[in-house]
Amino acid sequence: MIRDFTYIDDVIESIERVIFSPAEMNREWSSDDPLPDSSSAPYKIYNVGNGQPSSIISYISALEKALGKRALINFKELQPGDVLITHADSSSLLSNIDFKPNTTIEEGVYNFVNWFKVFYKV
């Protein structure tokens, strides 16, 4: 399975920038050929993701490295509702607020594990 993981600091940075860049109505919007991320009303929908899909195994490897422990993996069949691949398209985010999440999975997991250890004193 492949996921487009996004580090929380990148999500927060995106939200902060969007707050100070309010959406405007799209005067060219038409119900005959609608764009899904805008309308004649002043709103905008953003897909916040780093656009670098990684396998779940890569995520587990990053966790193993950050924790200094090997994972005990129990592979299962796909479950109802499982999605094989997710992938973010942050081009609208980049063009409107000049930011695209870019923290790598390794860096994000490492930062989270270190924060967790300090916060929970483990």
N, C-alpha and C. Protein backbone atom coordinates (compact mmCIF):
# COMPACT_ATOMS: atom_id res chain seq x y z
N MET A 1 0.84 -1.18 0.00
CA MET A 1 0.00 0.00 0.00
C MET A 1 0.88 1.24 0.00
N ILE A 2 0.40 2.26 -0.63
CA ILE A 2 1.16 3.50 -0.77
C ILE A 2 0.31 4.66 -0.25
N ARG A 3 0.95 5.50 0.55
CA ARG A 3 0.27 6.65 1.13
C ARG A 3 1.10 7.91 0.91
N ASP A 4 0.40 9.03 0.85
CA ASP A 4 1.06 10.33 0.75
C ASP A 4 1.06 10.94 2.15
N PHE A 5 2.08 10.62 2.92
CA PHE A 5 2.18 11.10 4.30
C PHE A 5 2.53 12.59 4.31
N THR A 6 1.93 13.31 5.25
CA THR A 6 2.20 14.74 5.37
C THR A 6 2.53 15.05 6.83
N TYR A 7 3.66 15.68 7.05
CA TYR A 7 4.11 16.01 8.39
C TYR A 7 3.26 17.15 8.96
N ILE A 8 2.93 17.05 10.22
CA ILE A 8 2.01 18.00 10.86
C ILE A 8 2.50 19.45 10.77
N ASP A 9 3.79 19.70 10.87
CA ASP A 9 4.28 21.08 10.76
C ASP A 9 4.00 21.65 9.38
N ASP A 10 4.02 20.81 8.35
CA ASP A 10 3.69 21.28 7.00
C ASP A 10 2.21 21.61 6.89
N VAL A 11 1.36 20.84 7.57
CA VAL A 11 -0.08 21.12 7.57
C VAL A 11 -0.33 22.46 8.27
N ILE A 12 0.31 22.67 9.40
CA ILE A 12 0.14 23.92 10.16
C ILE A 12 0.63 25.11 9.34
N GLU A 13 1.78 24.96 8.71
CA GLU A 13 2.30 26.05 7.86
C GLU A 13 1.30 26.38 6.75
N SER A 14 0.71 25.37 6.15
CA SER A 14 -0.28 25.60 5.09
C SER A 14 -1.49 26.35 5.63
N ILE A 15 -2.00 25.93 6.79
CA ILE A 15 -3.17 26.58 7.38
C ILE A 15 -2.86 28.03 7.72
N GLU A 16 -1.70 28.28 8.32
CA GLU A 16 -1.34 29.66 8.66
C GLU A 16 -1.28 30.55 7.42
N ARG A 17 -0.71 30.03 6.35
CA ARG A 17 -0.63 30.83 5.12
C ARG A 17 -1.99 31.06 4.49
N VAL A 18 -2.86 30.05 4.53
CA VAL A 18 -4.20 30.18 3.96
C VAL A 18 -5.01 31.22 4.73
N ILE A 19 -4.85 31.25 6.05
CA ILE A 19 -5.57 32.22 6.88
C ILE A 19 -5.29 33.64 6.41
N PHE A 20 -4.06 33.92 6.03
CA PHE A 20 -3.68 35.27 5.62
C PHE A 20 -3.77 35.48 4.11
N SER A 21 -4.40 34.54 3.43
CA SER A 21 -4.62 34.65 1.99
C SER A 21 -6.03 34.19 1.68
N PRO A 22 -7.04 34.97 2.11
CA PRO A 22 -8.43 34.53 1.95
C PRO A 22 -8.81 34.30 0.49
N ALA A 23 -9.69 33.35 0.30
CA ALA A 23 -10.16 33.02 -1.05
C ALA A 23 -10.99 34.15 -1.62
N GLU A 24 -10.99 34.22 -2.92
CA GLU A 24 -11.82 35.20 -3.64
C GLU A 24 -12.75 34.44 -4.56
N MET A 25 -13.84 35.05 -4.92
CA MET A 25 -14.76 34.40 -5.84
C MET A 25 -14.09 34.24 -7.21
N ASN A 26 -14.41 33.17 -7.87
CA ASN A 26 -13.90 32.91 -9.21
C ASN A 26 -14.95 33.42 -10.20
N ARG A 27 -14.71 34.58 -10.77
CA ARG A 27 -15.69 35.21 -11.67
C ARG A 27 -15.88 34.43 -12.96
N GLU A 28 -14.94 33.55 -13.28
CA GLU A 28 -15.05 32.74 -14.50
C GLU A 28 -15.70 31.38 -14.24
N TRP A 29 -16.07 31.10 -12.99
CA TRP A 29 -16.65 29.82 -12.64
C TRP A 29 -17.99 29.65 -13.31
N SER A 30 -18.26 28.46 -13.83
CA SER A 30 -19.52 28.19 -14.52
C SER A 30 -20.07 26.86 -14.07
N SER A 31 -21.36 26.80 -13.84
CA SER A 31 -21.98 25.53 -13.46
C SER A 31 -22.02 24.56 -14.64
N ASP A 32 -21.81 25.08 -15.85
CA ASP A 32 -21.74 24.21 -17.04
C ASP A 32 -20.44 23.43 -17.08
N ASP A 33 -19.38 24.02 -16.54
CA ASP A 33 -18.05 23.37 -16.51
C ASP A 33 -17.40 23.72 -15.17
N PRO A 34 -17.93 23.18 -14.07
CA PRO A 34 -17.46 23.60 -12.75
C PRO A 34 -16.07 23.09 -12.40
N LEU A 35 -15.34 23.91 -11.66
CA LEU A 35 -14.07 23.50 -11.08
C LEU A 35 -14.36 23.05 -9.66
N PRO A 36 -13.85 21.89 -9.26
CA PRO A 36 -14.22 21.36 -7.93
C PRO A 36 -13.64 22.12 -6.76
N ASP A 37 -12.59 22.92 -6.97
CA ASP A 37 -11.94 23.58 -5.82
C ASP A 37 -12.28 25.06 -5.72
N SER A 38 -13.24 25.56 -6.51
CA SER A 38 -13.64 26.96 -6.39
C SER A 38 -15.08 27.11 -6.85
N SER A 39 -15.60 28.31 -6.72
CA SER A 39 -16.97 28.58 -7.17
C SER A 39 -17.16 30.08 -7.35
N SER A 40 -18.39 30.47 -7.61
CA SER A 40 -18.68 31.90 -7.69
C SER A 40 -18.73 32.51 -6.29
N ALA A 41 -18.75 31.67 -5.26
CA ALA A 41 -18.67 32.14 -3.87
C ALA A 41 -17.19 32.19 -3.46
N PRO A 42 -16.85 33.01 -2.48
CA PRO A 42 -15.44 33.12 -2.09
C PRO A 42 -14.97 31.98 -1.17
N TYR A 43 -14.67 30.84 -1.77
CA TYR A 43 -14.07 29.75 -1.01
C TYR A 43 -13.06 29.03 -1.89
N LYS A 44 -12.21 28.27 -1.27
CA LYS A 44 -11.18 27.51 -1.98
C LYS A 44 -10.93 26.22 -1.21
N ILE A 45 -10.80 25.12 -1.90
CA ILE A 45 -10.47 23.84 -1.29
C ILE A 45 -9.04 23.50 -1.67
N TYR A 46 -8.23 23.15 -0.67
CA TYR A 46 -6.84 22.79 -0.91
C TYR A 46 -6.58 21.34 -0.52
N ASN A 47 -5.78 20.68 -1.31
CA ASN A 47 -5.30 19.35 -0.98
C ASN A 47 -3.91 19.55 -0.37
N VAL A 48 -3.80 19.33 0.94
CA VAL A 48 -2.53 19.55 1.63
C VAL A 48 -1.82 18.20 1.76
N GLY A 49 -0.78 18.03 0.97
CA GLY A 49 0.01 16.80 1.00
C GLY A 49 1.35 17.07 0.36
N ASN A 50 2.33 16.24 0.66
CA ASN A 50 3.65 16.54 0.11
C ASN A 50 3.85 16.00 -1.30
N GLY A 51 2.93 15.20 -1.81
CA GLY A 51 3.02 14.75 -3.20
C GLY A 51 4.13 13.75 -3.45
N GLN A 52 4.60 13.10 -2.40
CA GLN A 52 5.65 12.09 -2.53
C GLN A 52 5.18 10.79 -1.88
N PRO A 53 4.31 10.05 -2.55
CA PRO A 53 3.77 8.83 -1.95
C PRO A 53 4.88 7.84 -1.58
N SER A 54 4.70 7.19 -0.43
CA SER A 54 5.65 6.21 0.06
C SER A 54 4.90 4.95 0.45
N SER A 55 5.59 3.84 0.37
CA SER A 55 4.96 2.58 0.78
C SER A 55 4.84 2.54 2.29
N ILE A 56 3.88 1.77 2.76
CA ILE A 56 3.72 1.58 4.20
C ILE A 56 5.00 0.97 4.77
N ILE A 57 5.66 0.12 4.01
CA ILE A 57 6.92 -0.49 4.45
C ILE A 57 7.99 0.59 4.65
N SER A 58 8.03 1.61 3.80
CA SER A 58 8.98 2.72 3.99
C SER A 58 8.70 3.46 5.29
N TYR A 59 7.42 3.63 5.59
CA TYR A 59 7.02 4.28 6.83
C TYR A 59 7.47 3.45 8.03
N ILE A 60 7.24 2.16 7.96
CA ILE A 60 7.66 1.27 9.04
C ILE A 60 9.18 1.29 9.19
N SER A 61 9.89 1.31 8.08
CA SER A 61 11.36 1.38 8.13
C SER A 61 11.83 2.67 8.80
N ALA A 62 11.16 3.78 8.50
CA ALA A 62 11.51 5.05 9.14
C ALA A 62 11.26 4.98 10.64
N LEU A 63 10.16 4.35 11.04
CA LEU A 63 9.88 4.16 12.46
C LEU A 63 10.94 3.29 13.13
N GLU A 64 11.30 2.20 12.46
CA GLU A 64 12.32 1.31 13.01
C GLU A 64 13.63 2.06 13.23
N LYS A 65 14.01 2.84 12.25
CA LYS A 65 15.27 3.60 12.35
C LYS A 65 15.20 4.62 13.48
N ALA A 66 14.10 5.36 13.56
CA ALA A 66 13.96 6.40 14.60
C ALA A 66 13.88 5.80 16.00
N LEU A 67 13.29 4.62 16.11
CA LEU A 67 13.14 3.98 17.42
C LEU A 67 14.30 3.07 17.78
N GLY A 68 15.08 2.69 16.77
CA GLY A 68 16.17 1.76 17.01
C GLY A 68 15.68 0.36 17.35
N LYS A 69 14.53 0.00 16.80
CA LYS A 69 13.93 -1.32 17.05
C LYS A 69 13.36 -1.88 15.76
N ARG A 70 13.33 -3.19 15.66
CA ARG A 70 12.72 -3.86 14.51
C ARG A 70 11.23 -4.06 14.79
N ALA A 71 10.43 -3.85 13.78
CA ALA A 71 8.98 -4.05 13.90
C ALA A 71 8.64 -5.52 13.71
N LEU A 72 7.64 -5.95 14.41
CA LEU A 72 7.08 -7.28 14.18
C LEU A 72 5.89 -7.08 13.25
N ILE A 73 6.04 -7.47 12.01
CA ILE A 73 5.02 -7.19 10.99
C ILE A 73 4.17 -8.43 10.76
N ASN A 74 2.86 -8.22 10.79
CA ASN A 74 1.91 -9.29 10.54
C ASN A 74 1.10 -8.88 9.31
N PHE A 75 1.49 -9.35 8.14
CA PHE A 75 0.82 -8.97 6.90
C PHE A 75 -0.58 -9.61 6.85
N LYS A 76 -1.54 -8.84 6.42
CA LYS A 76 -2.92 -9.30 6.29
C LYS A 76 -3.40 -9.04 4.87
N GLU A 77 -4.46 -9.72 4.49
CA GLU A 77 -5.11 -9.46 3.20
C GLU A 77 -5.73 -8.06 3.25
N LEU A 78 -5.95 -7.49 2.06
CA LEU A 78 -6.64 -6.20 2.01
C LEU A 78 -8.01 -6.34 2.67
N GLN A 79 -8.37 -5.30 3.41
CA GLN A 79 -9.65 -5.28 4.11
C GLN A 79 -10.66 -4.47 3.29
N PRO A 80 -11.95 -4.74 3.45
CA PRO A 80 -12.96 -3.95 2.73
C PRO A 80 -12.75 -2.45 3.00
N GLY A 81 -12.74 -1.68 1.96
CA GLY A 81 -12.55 -0.24 2.09
C GLY A 81 -11.12 0.22 1.99
N ASP A 82 -10.15 -0.71 2.02
CA ASP A 82 -8.75 -0.33 1.87
C ASP A 82 -8.52 0.30 0.50
N VAL A 83 -7.69 1.32 0.47
CA VAL A 83 -7.32 1.98 -0.77
C VAL A 83 -5.84 1.67 -1.01
N LEU A 84 -5.50 1.24 -2.21
CA LEU A 84 -4.11 0.84 -2.48
C LEU A 84 -3.15 2.03 -2.50
N ILE A 85 -3.58 3.12 -3.13
CA ILE A 85 -2.66 4.26 -3.30
C ILE A 85 -3.41 5.56 -3.02
N THR A 86 -2.80 6.45 -2.23
CA THR A 86 -3.29 7.83 -2.10
C THR A 86 -2.15 8.75 -2.53
N HIS A 87 -2.51 9.85 -3.14
CA HIS A 87 -1.50 10.78 -3.65
C HIS A 87 -2.10 12.18 -3.67
N ALA A 88 -1.43 13.12 -3.02
CA ALA A 88 -1.93 14.50 -2.96
C ALA A 88 -1.45 15.31 -4.17
N ASP A 89 -2.31 16.20 -4.62
CA ASP A 89 -1.94 17.17 -5.65
C ASP A 89 -2.03 18.55 -4.99
N SER A 90 -0.89 19.08 -4.58
CA SER A 90 -0.85 20.35 -3.87
C SER A 90 -0.55 21.53 -4.79
N SER A 91 -0.76 21.36 -6.09
CA SER A 91 -0.42 22.43 -7.04
C SER A 91 -1.24 23.70 -6.76
N SER A 92 -2.50 23.55 -6.38
CA SER A 92 -3.33 24.71 -6.07
C SER A 92 -2.80 25.43 -4.84
N LEU A 93 -2.37 24.67 -3.85
CA LEU A 93 -1.79 25.24 -2.64
C LEU A 93 -0.53 26.03 -2.98
N LEU A 94 0.33 25.44 -3.78
CA LEU A 94 1.58 26.10 -4.18
C LEU A 94 1.30 27.39 -4.96
N SER A 95 0.38 27.34 -5.90
CA SER A 95 0.14 28.53 -6.72
C SER A 95 -0.57 29.65 -5.96
N ASN A 96 -1.33 29.30 -4.90
CA ASN A 96 -2.06 30.34 -4.17
C ASN A 96 -1.34 30.87 -2.94
N ILE A 97 -0.54 30.05 -2.27
CA ILE A 97 0.13 30.54 -1.06
C ILE A 97 1.64 30.34 -1.11
N ASP A 98 2.14 29.91 -2.25
CA ASP A 98 3.58 29.75 -2.47
C ASP A 98 4.21 28.81 -1.42
N PHE A 99 3.51 27.72 -1.14
CA PHE A 99 4.04 26.73 -0.20
C PHE A 99 3.56 25.35 -0.61
N LYS A 100 4.45 24.39 -0.49
CA LYS A 100 4.12 22.99 -0.73
C LYS A 100 4.78 22.18 0.37
N PRO A 101 4.01 21.34 1.08
CA PRO A 101 4.61 20.50 2.10
C PRO A 101 5.79 19.72 1.51
N ASN A 102 6.90 19.69 2.25
CA ASN A 102 8.10 19.05 1.68
C ASN A 102 8.92 18.24 2.69
N THR A 103 8.39 18.04 3.89
CA THR A 103 9.12 17.25 4.88
C THR A 103 9.10 15.79 4.45
N THR A 104 10.27 15.16 4.40
CA THR A 104 10.34 13.76 4.00
C THR A 104 9.74 12.87 5.09
N ILE A 105 9.37 11.69 4.70
CA ILE A 105 8.82 10.74 5.66
C ILE A 105 9.84 10.42 6.76
N GLU A 106 11.09 10.28 6.38
CA GLU A 106 12.14 9.97 7.35
C GLU A 106 12.30 11.10 8.37
N GLU A 107 12.35 12.33 7.87
CA GLU A 107 12.51 13.49 8.75
C GLU A 107 11.29 13.67 9.66
N GLY A 108 10.10 13.52 9.09
CA GLY A 108 8.88 13.69 9.87
C GLY A 108 8.74 12.65 10.98
N VAL A 109 9.01 11.39 10.65
CA VAL A 109 8.93 10.33 11.66
C VAL A 109 9.99 10.55 12.73
N TYR A 110 11.20 10.88 12.33
CA TYR A 110 12.28 11.14 13.28
C TYR A 110 11.90 12.27 14.25
N ASN A 111 11.39 13.37 13.70
CA ASN A 111 10.98 14.50 14.53
C ASN A 111 9.86 14.12 15.49
N PHE A 112 8.88 13.35 14.99
CA PHE A 112 7.77 12.95 15.84
C PHE A 112 8.23 12.04 16.97
N VAL A 113 9.06 11.06 16.65
CA VAL A 113 9.55 10.14 17.68
C VAL A 113 10.33 10.90 18.74
N ASN A 114 11.17 11.83 18.33
CA ASN A 114 11.93 12.63 19.31
C ASN A 114 11.01 13.48 20.17
N TRP A 115 10.01 14.11 19.56
CA TRP A 115 9.04 14.89 20.33
C TRP A 115 8.32 13.99 21.33
N PHE A 116 7.86 12.83 20.87
CA PHE A 116 7.12 11.90 21.72
C PHE A 116 7.95 11.48 22.94
N LYS A 117 9.22 11.17 22.70
CA LYS A 117 10.09 10.74 23.80
C LYS A 117 10.28 11.85 24.83
N VAL A 118 10.44 13.08 24.37
CA VAL A 118 10.62 14.20 25.29
C VAL A 118 9.31 14.51 26.03
N PHE A 119 8.21 14.59 25.29
CA PHE A 119 6.92 14.97 25.87
C PHE A 119 6.47 13.95 26.92
N TYR A 120 6.63 12.65 26.61
CA TYR A 120 6.18 11.60 27.52
C TYR A 120 7.30 11.05 28.41
N LYS A 121 8.47 11.70 28.32
CA LYS A 121 9.61 11.33 29.17
C LYS A 121 9.92 9.83 29.11
N VAL A 122 10.02 9.32 27.89
CA VAL A 122 10.36 7.89 27.70
C VAL A 122 11.69 7.73 27.00
